[in-house]
N, C-alpha and C. Protein backbone atom coordinates (compact mmCIF):
# COMPACT_ATOMS: atom_id res chain seq x y z
N MET A 1 -129.62 1.85 192.05
CA MET A 1 -128.88 3.23 192.26
C MET A 1 -130.40 3.50 191.31
N THR A 2 -130.38 4.89 191.61
CA THR A 2 -131.09 6.04 190.84
C THR A 2 -130.55 6.37 189.91
N VAL A 3 -131.20 7.38 189.47
CA VAL A 3 -130.55 7.89 187.99
C VAL A 3 -129.78 8.88 189.05
N ASP A 4 -130.45 9.49 189.73
CA ASP A 4 -129.64 10.64 190.28
C ASP A 4 -128.21 10.06 191.05
N GLY A 5 -128.69 9.14 191.75
CA GLY A 5 -127.35 7.52 192.19
C GLY A 5 -126.31 7.61 190.89
N ARG A 6 -126.85 6.81 190.38
CA ARG A 6 -125.82 7.10 189.08
C ARG A 6 -125.28 7.95 188.26
N ASP A 7 -125.88 8.92 188.09
CA ASP A 7 -125.64 10.35 187.75
C ASP A 7 -124.18 10.71 188.46
N ARG A 8 -124.68 10.55 190.47
CA ARG A 8 -124.01 10.59 191.49
C ARG A 8 -122.20 10.30 190.67
N ALA A 9 -122.75 8.77 190.68
CA ALA A 9 -121.52 7.72 190.79
C ALA A 9 -120.78 8.13 189.38
N ILE A 10 -121.62 8.06 188.45
CA ILE A 10 -120.72 8.77 187.06
C ILE A 10 -120.06 9.99 187.13
N ALA A 11 -120.99 11.23 187.76
CA ALA A 11 -120.27 12.37 188.18
C ALA A 11 -119.17 12.07 189.23
N GLY A 12 -118.93 11.62 190.21
CA GLY A 12 -118.15 11.03 190.71
C GLY A 12 -116.77 10.72 190.31
N GLY A 13 -117.43 9.41 189.81
CA GLY A 13 -116.10 8.93 188.74
C GLY A 13 -115.27 9.68 188.08
N LEU A 14 -116.26 10.51 187.46
CA LEU A 14 -115.67 11.59 186.48
C LEU A 14 -114.92 13.01 187.23
N SER A 15 -115.60 12.88 188.40
CA SER A 15 -114.44 14.08 189.15
C SER A 15 -113.40 13.01 189.51
N THR A 16 -113.45 12.09 190.02
CA THR A 16 -111.79 11.68 190.06
C THR A 16 -111.20 11.50 188.94
N GLU A 17 -111.59 10.89 188.03
CA GLU A 17 -111.01 10.64 187.05
C GLU A 17 -110.77 12.39 186.31
N SER A 18 -111.72 13.03 186.50
CA SER A 18 -110.75 14.32 186.12
C SER A 18 -110.03 14.65 186.96
N ALA A 19 -110.15 14.83 188.57
CA ALA A 19 -108.88 15.08 189.63
C ALA A 19 -107.86 14.83 188.89
N ASP A 20 -107.69 13.08 188.87
CA ASP A 20 -106.89 12.39 188.01
C ASP A 20 -106.15 13.01 187.17
N THR A 21 -107.11 13.65 186.31
CA THR A 21 -106.80 14.13 184.71
C THR A 21 -106.29 15.28 184.94
N GLU A 22 -106.75 15.86 185.79
CA GLU A 22 -105.82 17.25 185.95
C GLU A 22 -104.64 17.31 186.84
N GLN A 23 -104.42 16.38 187.65
CA GLN A 23 -103.29 16.56 188.33
C GLN A 23 -102.16 16.12 187.30
N ALA A 24 -102.57 14.77 186.44
CA ALA A 24 -101.66 14.41 185.74
C ALA A 24 -101.34 15.62 184.30
N GLY A 25 -102.41 16.28 183.78
CA GLY A 25 -102.22 17.66 183.14
C GLY A 25 -101.37 18.17 183.51
N THR A 26 -101.38 18.71 184.59
CA THR A 26 -100.38 19.99 185.22
C THR A 26 -99.09 19.55 185.56
N GLU A 27 -99.07 18.21 185.74
CA GLU A 27 -97.88 17.25 186.22
C GLU A 27 -97.01 17.54 184.61
N GLN A 28 -97.89 17.47 183.53
CA GLN A 28 -97.82 17.51 181.97
C GLN A 28 -97.03 18.72 181.90
N ALA A 29 -98.38 19.65 181.96
CA ALA A 29 -97.73 21.13 181.61
C ALA A 29 -96.66 21.78 182.37
N SER A 30 -95.98 21.16 183.47
CA SER A 30 -94.97 21.85 184.77
C SER A 30 -93.59 21.08 183.44
N ASP A 31 -93.80 19.81 182.72
CA ASP A 31 -92.86 19.01 182.22
C ASP A 31 -92.67 19.40 181.03
N ALA A 32 -93.94 19.96 180.20
CA ALA A 32 -93.24 20.92 179.35
C ALA A 32 -93.06 21.58 179.37
N LEU A 33 -93.74 22.47 180.17
CA LEU A 33 -93.10 24.07 180.55
C LEU A 33 -91.13 24.01 180.84
N ASP A 34 -90.57 23.31 181.81
CA ASP A 34 -89.59 22.70 181.99
C ASP A 34 -88.71 22.10 180.64
N VAL A 35 -89.15 21.33 179.91
CA VAL A 35 -89.00 21.21 178.56
C VAL A 35 -88.60 22.37 177.60
N LEU A 36 -90.02 23.15 177.85
CA LEU A 36 -89.67 24.55 176.57
C LEU A 36 -88.71 25.56 177.21
N ARG A 37 -88.40 25.67 178.27
CA ARG A 37 -88.02 26.63 179.13
C ARG A 37 -86.37 26.57 178.75
N VAL A 38 -85.46 27.03 177.75
CA VAL A 38 -84.13 26.91 177.52
C VAL A 38 -83.72 28.03 178.18
N PRO A 39 -82.57 28.04 178.44
CA PRO A 39 -81.96 29.26 179.35
C PRO A 39 -81.01 30.10 178.43
N LYS A 40 -80.92 31.26 178.47
CA LYS A 40 -80.67 32.40 177.78
C LYS A 40 -79.22 32.69 177.53
N VAL A 41 -78.32 32.05 176.35
CA VAL A 41 -77.38 32.10 176.25
C VAL A 41 -76.29 33.33 175.77
N GLU A 42 -75.34 33.57 176.18
CA GLU A 42 -75.00 34.84 175.24
C GLU A 42 -74.16 34.75 174.47
N PRO A 43 -74.15 35.53 173.04
CA PRO A 43 -73.34 34.90 172.18
C PRO A 43 -71.74 34.78 172.81
N ARG A 44 -71.28 33.91 171.61
CA ARG A 44 -69.66 34.03 171.81
C ARG A 44 -69.26 35.02 171.79
N ASP A 45 -69.34 35.97 170.50
CA ASP A 45 -68.14 36.97 169.97
C ASP A 45 -69.29 38.22 170.79
N SER A 46 -70.14 38.44 171.64
CA SER A 46 -70.74 39.04 172.36
C SER A 46 -69.63 39.49 174.10
N VAL A 47 -68.81 40.82 173.33
CA VAL A 47 -67.74 40.84 174.34
C VAL A 47 -68.19 42.26 174.99
N PRO A 48 -67.64 42.58 176.05
CA PRO A 48 -67.91 44.21 176.42
C PRO A 48 -67.14 45.47 175.24
N ALA A 49 -68.20 46.34 175.53
CA ALA A 49 -67.57 47.35 174.17
C ALA A 49 -65.99 47.40 174.08
N VAL A 50 -65.27 47.98 175.78
CA VAL A 50 -64.33 48.20 176.07
C VAL A 50 -63.28 47.14 175.39
N ILE A 51 -63.56 46.11 175.58
CA ILE A 51 -62.76 45.00 174.88
C ILE A 51 -63.05 44.72 173.27
N ALA A 52 -63.75 44.98 173.07
CA ALA A 52 -64.22 45.60 171.37
C ALA A 52 -63.42 46.46 170.41
N ALA A 53 -63.21 47.38 171.43
CA ALA A 53 -62.76 48.57 171.23
C ALA A 53 -61.14 48.76 171.42
N ARG A 54 -60.49 47.68 171.87
CA ARG A 54 -59.14 47.20 171.95
C ARG A 54 -59.07 46.32 171.22
N ARG A 55 -59.43 45.44 170.85
CA ARG A 55 -59.58 44.56 169.65
C ARG A 55 -59.19 45.35 168.05
N ARG A 56 -60.37 46.10 168.00
CA ARG A 56 -60.52 46.70 166.80
C ARG A 56 -59.05 47.90 166.48
N HIS A 57 -58.50 48.41 167.89
CA HIS A 57 -57.47 49.38 167.91
C HIS A 57 -56.37 48.14 167.39
N THR A 58 -55.92 47.53 168.25
CA THR A 58 -54.99 46.67 167.98
C THR A 58 -54.52 46.02 166.30
N MET A 59 -56.07 45.65 165.35
CA MET A 59 -56.22 44.84 164.09
C MET A 59 -55.99 46.08 163.64
N SER A 60 -56.06 47.26 164.26
CA SER A 60 -56.16 48.92 162.73
C SER A 60 -54.19 49.18 163.00
N ARG A 61 -53.59 48.70 163.95
CA ARG A 61 -52.40 48.69 164.27
C ARG A 61 -51.16 47.64 163.62
N LEU A 62 -52.09 47.09 163.73
CA LEU A 62 -51.75 45.65 162.62
C LEU A 62 -51.77 45.43 161.09
N GLY A 63 -52.94 46.39 160.83
CA GLY A 63 -53.10 46.60 159.17
C GLY A 63 -51.86 47.96 158.58
N VAL A 64 -51.61 48.75 159.64
CA VAL A 64 -50.80 49.86 159.45
C VAL A 64 -49.61 49.32 159.60
N VAL A 65 -49.04 48.42 160.59
CA VAL A 65 -47.83 47.67 160.18
C VAL A 65 -47.59 46.80 159.00
N GLY A 66 -48.63 46.35 158.77
CA GLY A 66 -48.54 45.13 157.58
C GLY A 66 -48.58 45.89 156.46
N VAL A 67 -49.16 47.26 155.82
CA VAL A 67 -48.89 47.95 154.80
C VAL A 67 -47.61 48.85 155.03
N VAL A 68 -46.78 49.09 156.08
CA VAL A 68 -45.85 49.42 155.78
C VAL A 68 -44.26 48.50 155.66
N LEU A 69 -44.88 47.48 156.32
CA LEU A 69 -44.20 46.11 155.87
C LEU A 69 -43.93 45.95 154.34
N PHE A 70 -45.43 46.06 153.55
CA PHE A 70 -45.17 45.86 152.35
C PHE A 70 -44.64 46.50 151.42
N VAL A 71 -45.13 48.21 151.83
CA VAL A 71 -44.32 49.37 151.11
C VAL A 71 -42.10 49.03 150.68
N ALA A 72 -42.42 48.66 152.14
CA ALA A 72 -40.51 48.56 152.58
C ALA A 72 -40.23 47.54 151.71
N LEU A 73 -40.80 46.25 151.76
CA LEU A 73 -40.34 45.28 150.86
C LEU A 73 -40.17 45.68 149.64
N GLY A 74 -41.49 45.70 148.88
CA GLY A 74 -41.27 46.57 147.52
C GLY A 74 -40.31 47.54 147.04
N PHE A 75 -40.17 48.46 148.16
CA PHE A 75 -38.91 49.55 147.90
C PHE A 75 -37.43 48.86 147.88
N LEU A 76 -37.39 47.28 148.75
CA LEU A 76 -35.92 47.00 148.42
C LEU A 76 -35.70 45.89 147.69
N ILE A 77 -36.84 45.60 146.82
CA ILE A 77 -36.68 44.73 145.82
C ILE A 77 -36.67 45.50 144.55
N TYR A 78 -37.34 46.94 144.39
CA TYR A 78 -36.89 47.43 143.87
C TYR A 78 -35.68 48.25 143.19
N LYS A 79 -35.07 48.88 144.67
CA LYS A 79 -33.62 48.75 144.53
C LYS A 79 -32.75 47.41 144.52
N ALA A 80 -33.31 46.20 144.93
CA ALA A 80 -32.36 45.19 143.70
C ALA A 80 -32.36 45.41 142.99
N ILE A 81 -33.38 45.37 142.12
CA ILE A 81 -33.35 45.14 141.04
C ILE A 81 -32.93 46.15 139.76
N SER A 82 -33.17 47.22 140.75
CA SER A 82 -32.37 48.39 139.77
C SER A 82 -30.80 48.94 139.79
N SER A 83 -30.15 48.26 140.88
CA SER A 83 -29.10 48.45 141.36
C SER A 83 -28.15 47.45 140.49
N ALA A 84 -28.62 45.92 140.16
CA ALA A 84 -28.43 44.67 139.49
C ALA A 84 -28.79 44.73 138.26
N VAL A 85 -29.55 45.25 137.43
CA VAL A 85 -29.41 45.44 136.28
C VAL A 85 -28.65 46.80 135.78
N VAL A 86 -27.86 46.31 134.46
CA VAL A 86 -27.13 47.63 133.73
C VAL A 86 -27.81 47.41 132.98
N TYR A 87 -28.29 48.57 132.24
CA TYR A 87 -28.85 49.23 131.15
C TYR A 87 -27.84 48.75 129.75
N PHE A 88 -28.45 48.44 128.84
CA PHE A 88 -27.85 47.83 127.67
C PHE A 88 -28.04 49.51 126.53
N LYS A 89 -27.86 49.99 126.20
CA LYS A 89 -27.88 51.15 125.22
C LYS A 89 -27.26 51.22 123.90
N THR A 90 -27.49 51.79 122.56
CA THR A 90 -26.48 51.89 122.07
C THR A 90 -25.97 53.11 121.92
N ALA A 91 -25.03 54.01 121.38
CA ALA A 91 -24.50 54.96 120.98
C ALA A 91 -25.61 55.71 121.37
N GLN A 92 -26.53 55.43 120.13
CA GLN A 92 -27.22 56.69 119.59
C GLN A 92 -27.87 56.86 120.94
N GLU A 93 -28.58 55.88 121.27
CA GLU A 93 -29.52 56.28 122.20
C GLU A 93 -29.15 56.91 123.44
N ALA A 94 -28.00 55.76 124.07
CA ALA A 94 -27.47 57.05 125.22
C ALA A 94 -27.28 58.34 125.37
N VAL A 95 -26.42 58.70 123.98
CA VAL A 95 -26.94 60.68 123.93
C VAL A 95 -28.08 60.59 123.79
N ALA A 96 -28.91 60.20 123.63
CA ALA A 96 -30.88 61.15 123.15
C ALA A 96 -30.95 61.06 124.63
N VAL A 97 -30.36 59.98 125.42
CA VAL A 97 -31.05 59.97 126.52
C VAL A 97 -29.86 60.58 127.78
N ARG A 98 -29.05 60.82 127.39
CA ARG A 98 -28.19 61.77 128.45
C ARG A 98 -28.35 62.06 129.66
N SER A 99 -29.22 63.33 129.43
CA SER A 99 -29.43 63.99 130.71
C SER A 99 -30.23 62.80 131.95
N SER A 100 -30.74 61.41 131.27
CA SER A 100 -31.80 60.75 132.35
C SER A 100 -30.51 59.85 132.72
N LEU A 101 -29.86 59.68 132.06
CA LEU A 101 -28.96 58.52 132.43
C LEU A 101 -27.50 59.16 133.61
N GLY A 102 -27.33 60.25 133.15
CA GLY A 102 -26.22 61.26 134.80
C GLY A 102 -25.19 60.28 134.62
N ASP A 103 -24.55 60.22 135.58
CA ASP A 103 -23.48 59.15 136.33
C ASP A 103 -23.64 58.03 136.64
N SER A 104 -24.77 57.19 136.30
CA SER A 104 -25.05 56.12 136.41
C SER A 104 -24.14 55.14 135.55
N THR A 105 -24.36 53.86 136.05
CA THR A 105 -23.15 52.55 135.16
C THR A 105 -24.49 51.77 134.45
N PHE A 106 -23.95 51.79 132.97
CA PHE A 106 -24.99 51.32 132.04
C PHE A 106 -23.85 50.70 131.07
N GLN A 107 -24.32 49.70 130.04
CA GLN A 107 -23.63 49.25 129.12
C GLN A 107 -23.89 50.04 127.61
N ILE A 108 -23.10 50.11 126.95
CA ILE A 108 -23.40 51.17 125.58
C ILE A 108 -22.29 50.23 124.45
N GLU A 109 -23.47 50.27 123.56
CA GLU A 109 -22.58 49.16 122.37
C GLU A 109 -22.56 50.53 120.99
N GLY A 110 -21.35 49.73 120.43
CA GLY A 110 -21.17 50.80 119.12
C GLY A 110 -19.99 50.20 118.51
N LEU A 111 -19.67 50.84 117.18
CA LEU A 111 -18.80 49.65 116.41
C LEU A 111 -17.50 50.67 116.90
N VAL A 112 -16.31 50.37 116.70
CA VAL A 112 -14.85 50.52 117.32
C VAL A 112 -14.53 51.81 115.87
N VAL A 113 -14.75 52.76 115.93
CA VAL A 113 -14.14 54.53 114.94
C VAL A 113 -12.80 53.64 114.17
N LYS A 114 -12.60 53.54 113.10
CA LYS A 114 -11.29 52.91 112.52
C LYS A 114 -10.84 54.50 112.68
N GLY A 115 -9.23 54.26 112.91
CA GLY A 115 -8.05 55.23 113.42
C GLY A 115 -8.33 56.12 114.26
N SER A 116 -9.64 55.44 115.48
CA SER A 116 -9.49 56.01 117.05
C SER A 116 -8.66 55.51 118.16
N ILE A 117 -8.12 54.55 117.74
CA ILE A 117 -7.87 54.05 119.31
C ILE A 117 -6.32 54.15 119.55
N GLU A 118 -6.26 55.20 120.91
CA GLU A 118 -5.32 55.50 121.15
C GLU A 118 -4.35 54.35 122.25
N LYS A 119 -2.90 54.30 122.47
CA LYS A 119 -2.71 53.53 123.19
C LYS A 119 -1.55 54.31 124.11
N ASP A 120 -1.35 53.90 125.34
CA ASP A 120 -0.15 54.69 126.14
C ASP A 120 1.29 54.32 125.78
N ARG A 121 2.47 54.17 126.43
CA ARG A 121 3.70 53.17 126.38
C ARG A 121 3.77 51.69 125.90
N GLN A 122 2.71 51.18 127.07
CA GLN A 122 2.81 49.90 127.50
C GLN A 122 1.94 48.95 126.63
N GLY A 123 1.29 49.72 125.28
CA GLY A 123 0.32 49.60 124.80
C GLY A 123 -0.97 49.24 124.87
N SER A 124 -1.40 49.26 126.27
CA SER A 124 -2.47 49.61 126.73
C SER A 124 -3.89 50.73 125.63
N VAL A 125 -4.57 50.10 126.10
CA VAL A 125 -5.42 51.06 125.13
C VAL A 125 -6.11 52.36 125.95
N THR A 126 -5.74 53.59 125.56
CA THR A 126 -6.61 54.77 126.41
C THR A 126 -7.44 55.22 126.18
N SER A 127 -7.72 55.37 124.88
CA SER A 127 -8.96 55.75 124.39
C SER A 127 -9.40 55.83 123.04
N PHE A 128 -10.05 55.75 122.48
CA PHE A 128 -10.93 55.21 120.88
C PHE A 128 -12.59 55.79 121.26
N ARG A 129 -12.87 55.91 120.24
CA ARG A 129 -14.68 56.34 119.86
C ARG A 129 -14.98 55.03 119.41
N ILE A 130 -16.56 54.97 119.56
CA ILE A 130 -17.75 54.56 119.38
C ILE A 130 -18.57 55.39 118.35
N SER A 131 -19.23 54.18 117.42
CA SER A 131 -20.31 55.04 116.70
C SER A 131 -21.84 54.31 116.79
N SER A 132 -22.40 54.97 116.40
CA SER A 132 -23.81 54.17 116.50
C SER A 132 -24.64 54.60 115.59
N GLY A 133 -25.02 54.64 114.17
CA GLY A 133 -25.84 55.63 113.13
C GLY A 133 -24.32 56.51 113.11
N PRO A 134 -25.45 57.96 112.90
CA PRO A 134 -24.86 58.99 112.98
C PRO A 134 -23.77 59.56 114.37
N VAL A 135 -24.23 58.80 115.15
CA VAL A 135 -23.36 59.38 116.67
C VAL A 135 -22.33 58.78 117.01
N THR A 136 -21.06 59.71 117.43
CA THR A 136 -20.04 59.35 118.07
C THR A 136 -19.74 59.24 119.34
N VAL A 137 -19.59 58.83 120.09
CA VAL A 137 -19.31 58.75 121.66
C VAL A 137 -17.76 58.19 121.72
N ALA A 138 -17.03 59.64 122.33
CA ALA A 138 -14.92 59.32 122.64
C ALA A 138 -15.29 58.82 124.12
N VAL A 139 -14.62 57.54 124.04
CA VAL A 139 -14.37 57.09 125.59
C VAL A 139 -13.06 56.74 125.98
N ALA A 140 -13.07 57.30 127.21
CA ALA A 140 -11.82 57.02 127.80
C ALA A 140 -11.91 55.43 128.85
N ASN A 141 -10.97 54.79 128.77
CA ASN A 141 -10.82 53.70 128.64
C ASN A 141 -9.35 53.70 130.20
N SER A 142 -10.19 52.61 130.96
CA SER A 142 -9.38 52.11 131.70
C SER A 142 -9.38 50.62 132.28
N ALA A 143 -9.99 50.10 131.15
CA ALA A 143 -10.00 48.26 131.31
C ALA A 143 -9.18 47.81 130.59
N PRO A 144 -8.46 46.76 130.65
CA PRO A 144 -7.73 45.99 130.26
C PRO A 144 -8.09 45.44 128.58
N GLN A 145 -7.64 45.67 127.98
CA GLN A 145 -7.78 45.25 126.43
C GLN A 145 -7.81 43.94 126.20
N PRO A 146 -9.45 43.40 125.76
CA PRO A 146 -9.70 41.94 125.21
C PRO A 146 -8.66 41.59 123.98
N ALA A 147 -8.25 40.29 123.81
CA ALA A 147 -7.33 40.03 122.31
C ALA A 147 -7.99 40.32 121.23
N LEU A 148 -9.27 40.40 120.89
CA LEU A 148 -10.22 40.42 119.70
C LEU A 148 -10.71 42.00 119.76
N PHE A 149 -10.05 42.81 120.84
CA PHE A 149 -10.21 44.64 120.27
C PHE A 149 -9.63 45.08 119.21
N GLN A 150 -10.24 45.48 118.19
CA GLN A 150 -9.54 46.77 117.28
C GLN A 150 -10.39 46.81 116.42
N GLN A 151 -10.58 47.75 115.62
CA GLN A 151 -11.46 48.93 115.10
C GLN A 151 -12.07 48.02 114.29
N ASN A 152 -13.35 48.88 113.85
CA ASN A 152 -14.57 48.42 112.91
C ASN A 152 -14.82 47.08 113.54
N ILE A 153 -15.26 46.83 114.83
CA ILE A 153 -16.04 45.65 115.33
C ILE A 153 -16.72 46.26 116.00
N PRO A 154 -17.71 45.61 116.44
CA PRO A 154 -18.37 45.97 117.52
C PRO A 154 -18.29 45.44 119.02
N VAL A 155 -18.77 46.35 119.99
CA VAL A 155 -18.23 46.61 121.33
C VAL A 155 -19.09 46.90 122.08
N VAL A 156 -19.20 45.98 123.60
CA VAL A 156 -20.04 46.61 124.48
C VAL A 156 -19.22 46.94 125.85
N LEU A 157 -19.24 48.44 126.18
CA LEU A 157 -18.71 48.71 127.34
C LEU A 157 -19.25 49.03 128.63
N VAL A 158 -18.87 48.70 129.46
CA VAL A 158 -19.70 48.80 130.81
C VAL A 158 -18.86 50.19 131.61
N GLY A 159 -19.54 51.15 131.67
CA GLY A 159 -19.30 52.07 132.31
C GLY A 159 -20.45 53.42 132.64
N HIS A 160 -19.71 54.68 133.09
CA HIS A 160 -20.72 55.42 132.63
C HIS A 160 -20.47 56.98 132.09
N PHE A 161 -21.13 57.81 132.27
CA PHE A 161 -20.91 59.57 131.51
C PHE A 161 -20.08 60.20 132.16
N VAL A 162 -19.28 60.67 131.96
CA VAL A 162 -17.75 61.55 132.84
C VAL A 162 -19.09 63.05 132.79
N GLY A 163 -19.14 63.32 134.45
CA GLY A 163 -19.80 64.76 134.36
C GLY A 163 -20.68 64.82 133.35
N ASN A 164 -20.93 66.08 132.68
CA ASN A 164 -21.88 66.55 132.07
C ASN A 164 -21.87 66.40 130.62
N THR A 165 -20.42 65.87 129.83
CA THR A 165 -20.00 65.60 128.97
C THR A 165 -20.36 64.64 127.85
N ASN A 166 -19.97 63.69 127.12
CA ASN A 166 -20.72 63.17 126.12
C ASN A 166 -19.38 61.79 125.95
N THR A 167 -18.31 62.06 126.82
CA THR A 167 -17.25 60.92 127.12
C THR A 167 -17.86 60.16 128.22
N PHE A 168 -17.61 58.83 127.39
CA PHE A 168 -17.82 57.64 128.16
C PHE A 168 -16.65 57.34 129.03
N ALA A 169 -16.68 56.42 130.43
CA ALA A 169 -15.66 56.02 130.87
C ALA A 169 -16.12 54.57 130.86
N SER A 170 -15.02 54.11 130.42
CA SER A 170 -15.23 52.65 130.01
C SER A 170 -13.99 52.00 131.30
N GLN A 171 -14.73 51.20 132.01
CA GLN A 171 -14.74 50.09 133.02
C GLN A 171 -13.92 48.95 132.72
N GLN A 172 -14.82 48.54 131.30
CA GLN A 172 -14.57 46.86 131.11
C GLN A 172 -15.20 47.02 129.51
N ILE A 173 -14.12 46.34 128.80
CA ILE A 173 -14.66 45.98 127.01
C ILE A 173 -14.86 44.53 127.05
N LEU A 174 -16.17 44.45 126.35
CA LEU A 174 -16.73 43.45 126.11
C LEU A 174 -16.68 43.32 124.24
N VAL A 175 -16.09 42.61 123.25
CA VAL A 175 -16.09 42.33 122.11
C VAL A 175 -17.06 41.22 121.58
N LYS A 176 -18.26 41.81 120.88
CA LYS A 176 -19.44 41.23 120.93
C LYS A 176 -19.33 39.75 120.44
N HIS A 177 -18.40 39.37 119.65
CA HIS A 177 -18.00 37.68 119.72
C HIS A 177 -17.38 36.97 120.47
N SER A 178 -18.03 36.15 121.03
CA SER A 178 -17.34 35.33 122.48
C SER A 178 -16.91 34.44 121.37
N ASN A 179 -16.07 33.14 122.66
CA ASN A 179 -14.97 32.20 122.27
C ASN A 179 -16.12 31.50 121.35
N ALA A 180 -17.40 31.04 122.19
CA ALA A 180 -18.18 30.07 121.54
C ALA A 180 -18.50 30.61 120.58
N TYR A 181 -18.88 32.13 120.18
CA TYR A 181 -18.82 32.23 118.79
C TYR A 181 -17.98 32.19 117.74
N ILE A 182 -16.90 32.36 117.95
CA ILE A 182 -15.60 32.46 117.05
C ILE A 182 -15.77 30.87 117.08
N ALA A 183 -15.67 29.56 118.02
CA ALA A 183 -15.37 28.54 117.68
C ALA A 183 -16.60 27.79 116.78
N ALA A 184 -17.47 28.16 116.82
CA ALA A 184 -18.26 27.38 116.05
C ALA A 184 -18.34 28.66 114.49
N HIS A 185 -18.13 29.63 113.88
CA HIS A 185 -17.77 30.43 113.41
C HIS A 185 -16.36 30.70 112.82
N PRO A 186 -15.30 30.08 112.24
CA PRO A 186 -13.90 30.26 112.33
C PRO A 186 -13.74 30.82 110.98
N LYS A 187 -13.02 31.76 110.93
CA LYS A 187 -12.52 32.46 109.75
C LYS A 187 -13.18 33.76 109.72
N ARG A 188 -14.40 34.09 110.69
CA ARG A 188 -15.39 35.11 110.76
C ARG A 188 -14.35 36.53 111.63
N VAL A 189 -13.90 36.05 112.38
CA VAL A 189 -13.30 37.20 113.57
C VAL A 189 -11.66 37.21 113.26
N ARG A 190 -11.35 38.50 112.84
CA ARG A 190 -9.73 38.68 113.11
C ARG A 190 -9.13 39.33 114.28
N ALA A 191 -8.09 38.53 114.96
CA ALA A 191 -7.59 39.52 116.18
C ALA A 191 -6.74 40.97 115.57
N PRO A 192 -6.50 41.56 116.46
CA PRO A 192 -5.08 42.75 115.60
C PRO A 192 -4.56 42.05 115.25
N ASN A 193 -3.51 40.85 115.71
CA ASN A 193 -2.54 40.77 115.16
C ASN A 193 -2.70 40.54 113.48
N GLY A 194 -3.96 40.16 112.67
CA GLY A 194 -4.41 39.77 111.55
C GLY A 194 -4.70 38.23 111.54
N SER A 195 -4.60 37.43 112.60
CA SER A 195 -4.67 36.37 112.70
C SER A 195 -6.23 35.53 112.34
N VAL A 196 -6.89 34.67 111.81
CA VAL A 196 -8.10 34.98 111.74
C VAL A 196 -8.13 33.49 113.10
N HIS A 197 -9.47 33.60 113.70
CA HIS A 197 -9.90 32.88 114.37
C HIS A 197 -11.04 32.17 114.33
């Protein structure tokens, strides 16, 4: 073969090879394009604007309902605690804040004033006075008399002020020394009949 023939053969071989290479390259390129082609996917949270607006509206309604329920629950807890708690004040403190107490029920503490106990025909205590510091409060009593009730002892009364006066309407008398105290400290508390407990 001549140089030209060789060249042709080589060129022919190259052209065959290059044709094969071109065809393989085209197949690979189309395969590569198929592999690189990723279908466009919409985001999951992508919803039409109308649906999104409805969701926001529903969520705002739920938020308002939640706030209303929270406030209502807080109010109910406050009312339950404030009505269940009976306030304890000394006679002096109670008179000082008389206007704010109104006719609400609370506990008042004081010392039974000597000579102030009045009884009815059956012997039940109807009225007496208690003192705390320089303040004296008149007590109208409708409660049964405890066994240890007497003058010059500290008592706690449950009740309320009558109208705009400083008269206290007692519904319960509690002597500050309980039976457990008396049992633990005999000879410290005297009963109205003079016996020592």
